[in-house]
Amino acid sequence: MSAVVVFDSNYGNTERVAEAIAAGIGGATTVSVARLDPANLQADLLVVGSPINGWRPTAAMQKFLAGFGAAQLAGTRAAAFDTRVRLFIHGDAAGKISRALENAGATIVARPRGFIVKGTEGPLLDGELEAATAWGRSIAAEVARTA
């Protein structure tokens, strides 16, 4: 199974979460959204994440997601995550990413997941990297179970 974890990161927190998710999946590649053209993306499993920026994914992530054609991700399994500050109302980048992946034809294999940072610049709350690794393992298990 080829697996790619695509991320955008403002302060490094989302990148660290992406790396932990990739470690949990096992053998997954991490790549910054700035270095990837959606037209050239090929993966059996695609996990995409962004910090919440203005109640939504970053502008770079929105541009990346808009680059997928209809049904381009047919046959690809996918999941989405974000990094966020714990507030009563915080926005939902992961849900928006998940819907964009599904609209491009991907099969969503996990509920969108948020990972908590202590403030705008972080750091991540204690235990979030371990939670990200566990989430990656659960995604890999779901993909294997439904293969």
Foldseek 3Di string as FASTA:
>chain_A
DAEEEEEADDQCQGVLLSVLLCVLLPPYYYDYLVPDALVPDDGQEYEYEAAQDPQEHDPSVVVRLVRADALNCANHEYAYEYEWADDPDTHDHRVVSVVSNVRNRHHYQDHYYYFYANDPNGDTDPPRSVVSSNVSNVSNVSVVVVD
